[in-house]
Amino acid sequence: QVQLVESGGGLVQAGGSLRLSCAASGRTFSSYAMGWFRQAPGKEREFVARSGSTTSYADSVKGRFTISRDNAKNTVYLQMNSLKPEDTAVYYCAADRTWYGSTSYPAGYDWWGQGTQVTVSL
């Protein structure tokens, strides 16, 4: 069992930056692929980024967001720059026990955090 706790969300103006953190429990964090997803009101949960055997991003965030991880701290980060109002959503981190692969589907992840709200104003 893995527990994930996100932090770092908040209100920011368009063009600003935020860094989200996701702290994971367990001793095998380095063997898990980690992902970030987001869900806006009335919309389905969508893929944002993944860190595993490969690193991947949704087209909508490429060049603006960066996923990174510190295995010594059991933490994955999402640095978000040049934020836009359409980035407003609840952001979730997720863990995939399968290191290899590149799934961007929520069903491919085994554990989820509770989410953190990101609101980008004009």
Protein backbone atom coordinates (compact mmCIF):
# COMPACT_ATOMS: atom_id res chain seq x y z
CA GLN A 1 0.00 0.00 0.00
CA VAL A 2 1.27 3.46 -0.94
CA GLN A 3 -0.08 6.69 0.48
CA LEU A 4 0.32 9.88 -1.52
CA VAL A 5 -0.12 13.42 -0.19
CA GLU A 6 -0.06 16.41 -2.53
CA SER A 7 0.71 19.98 -1.53
CA GLY A 8 1.59 23.28 -3.11
CA GLY A 9 -1.63 24.21 -4.84
CA GLY A 10 -3.15 27.66 -4.61
CA LEU A 11 -4.28 30.75 -6.45
CA VAL A 12 -1.93 32.34 -8.96
CA GLN A 13 -2.25 34.91 -11.72
CA ALA A 14 -1.88 33.93 -15.36
CA GLY A 15 1.77 33.79 -16.31
CA GLY A 16 2.80 32.83 -12.81
CA SER A 17 4.34 29.66 -11.42
CA LEU A 18 3.60 27.01 -8.83
CA ARG A 19 5.40 23.90 -7.70
CA LEU A 20 3.36 20.95 -6.57
CA SER A 21 4.81 18.26 -4.34
CA CYS A 22 3.65 14.72 -3.73
CA ALA A 23 5.08 12.83 -0.77
CA ALA A 24 4.83 9.05 -0.88
CA SER A 25 4.97 6.49 1.87
CA GLY A 26 6.77 3.18 1.47
CA ARG A 27 10.28 1.95 0.86
CA THR A 28 9.97 1.19 -2.83
CA PHE A 29 9.20 4.65 -4.16
CA SER A 30 12.15 4.57 -6.55
CA SER A 31 10.70 1.52 -8.29
CA TYR A 32 7.36 3.18 -9.05
CA ALA A 33 6.54 5.33 -12.00
CA MET A 34 4.83 8.51 -10.86
CA GLY A 35 2.29 10.57 -12.68
CA TRP A 36 0.40 13.82 -12.40
CA PHE A 37 -3.18 14.19 -13.56
CA ARG A 38 -5.72 16.98 -13.32
CA GLN A 39 -9.47 17.30 -13.33
CA ALA A 40 -11.40 20.46 -14.03
CA PRO A 41 -15.08 20.85 -13.04
CA GLY A 42 -17.33 18.92 -15.40
CA LYS A 43 -14.40 17.31 -17.20
CA GLU A 44 -12.72 13.93 -17.09
CA ARG A 45 -9.43 13.40 -15.32
CA GLU A 46 -6.61 14.01 -17.78
CA PHE A 47 -2.96 13.10 -17.94
CA VAL A 48 -0.37 15.80 -17.29
CA ALA A 49 3.03 14.14 -16.87
CA ARG A 50 4.79 10.89 -16.00
CA SER A 51 8.20 10.00 -14.58
CA GLY A 52 9.31 6.42 -14.96
CA SER A 53 11.50 4.60 -17.43
CA THR A 54 10.66 7.56 -19.65
CA THR A 55 9.37 11.04 -19.01
CA SER A 56 6.31 12.22 -20.87
CA TYR A 57 3.97 15.20 -20.93
CA ALA A 58 0.61 16.09 -22.28
CA ASP A 59 0.88 18.32 -25.33
CA SER A 60 -1.00 21.07 -23.49
CA VAL A 61 1.76 21.43 -20.88
CA LYS A 62 4.93 20.64 -22.85
CA GLY A 63 7.52 23.35 -22.44
CA ARG A 64 5.71 24.83 -19.43
CA PHE A 65 5.56 22.01 -16.85
CA THR A 66 8.40 19.84 -15.56
CA ILE A 67 8.07 16.64 -13.57
CA SER A 68 10.94 15.64 -11.31
CA ARG A 69 11.50 13.34 -8.37
CA ASP A 70 13.74 13.03 -5.34
CA ASN A 71 13.91 9.36 -4.45
CA ALA A 72 15.77 10.11 -1.22
CA LYS A 73 12.75 12.12 -0.07
CA ASN A 74 10.11 9.87 -1.64
CA THR A 75 8.74 12.94 -3.37
CA VAL A 76 7.70 13.83 -6.90
CA TYR A 77 7.30 17.41 -8.04
CA LEU A 78 5.48 19.26 -10.77
CA GLN A 79 6.95 22.64 -11.62
CA MET A 80 4.34 24.67 -13.46
CA ASN A 81 5.39 27.83 -15.28
CA SER A 82 3.56 30.22 -17.58
CA LEU A 83 0.27 29.15 -16.07
CA LYS A 84 -2.94 29.77 -17.96
CA PRO A 85 -6.54 29.97 -16.76
CA GLU A 86 -7.20 26.66 -18.53
CA ASP A 87 -4.72 25.00 -16.18
CA THR A 88 -7.22 25.50 -13.37
CA ALA A 89 -8.08 22.09 -11.92
CA VAL A 90 -7.58 19.74 -9.04
CA TYR A 91 -4.19 18.14 -9.51
CA TYR A 92 -3.58 14.55 -8.45
CA CYS A 93 -0.42 12.53 -8.19
CA ALA A 94 -0.53 8.81 -8.81
CA ALA A 95 1.81 5.85 -8.52
CA ASP A 96 2.16 3.03 -11.03
CA ARG A 97 3.86 -0.10 -9.75
CA THR A 98 4.96 -0.77 -13.32
CA TRP A 99 8.15 1.23 -13.87
CA TYR A 100 8.30 0.49 -17.58
CA GLY A 101 5.65 1.69 -19.93
CA SER A 102 4.17 5.05 -20.65
CA THR A 103 0.53 4.83 -19.78
CA SER A 104 -1.38 8.08 -19.66
CA TYR A 105 -4.64 6.45 -18.61
CA PRO A 106 -5.82 6.87 -15.01
CA ALA A 107 -6.73 3.17 -14.89
CA GLY A 108 -3.06 2.34 -15.34
CA TYR A 109 -2.14 3.75 -11.93
CA ASP A 110 -2.46 1.89 -8.68
CA TRP A 111 -2.53 4.56 -5.96
CA TRP A 112 -3.78 8.14 -5.85
CA GLY A 113 -3.46 11.19 -3.68
CA GLN A 114 -6.36 13.30 -2.50
CA GLY A 115 -5.63 16.16 -4.88
CA THR A 116 -4.67 19.80 -4.54
CA GLN A 117 -6.51 22.73 -6.09
CA VAL A 118 -4.76 24.99 -8.58
CA THR A 119 -6.60 28.12 -9.66
CA VAL A 120 -5.19 30.46 -12.29
CA SER A 121 -6.83 33.86 -12.58
CA LEU A 122 -6.67 36.37 -15.40
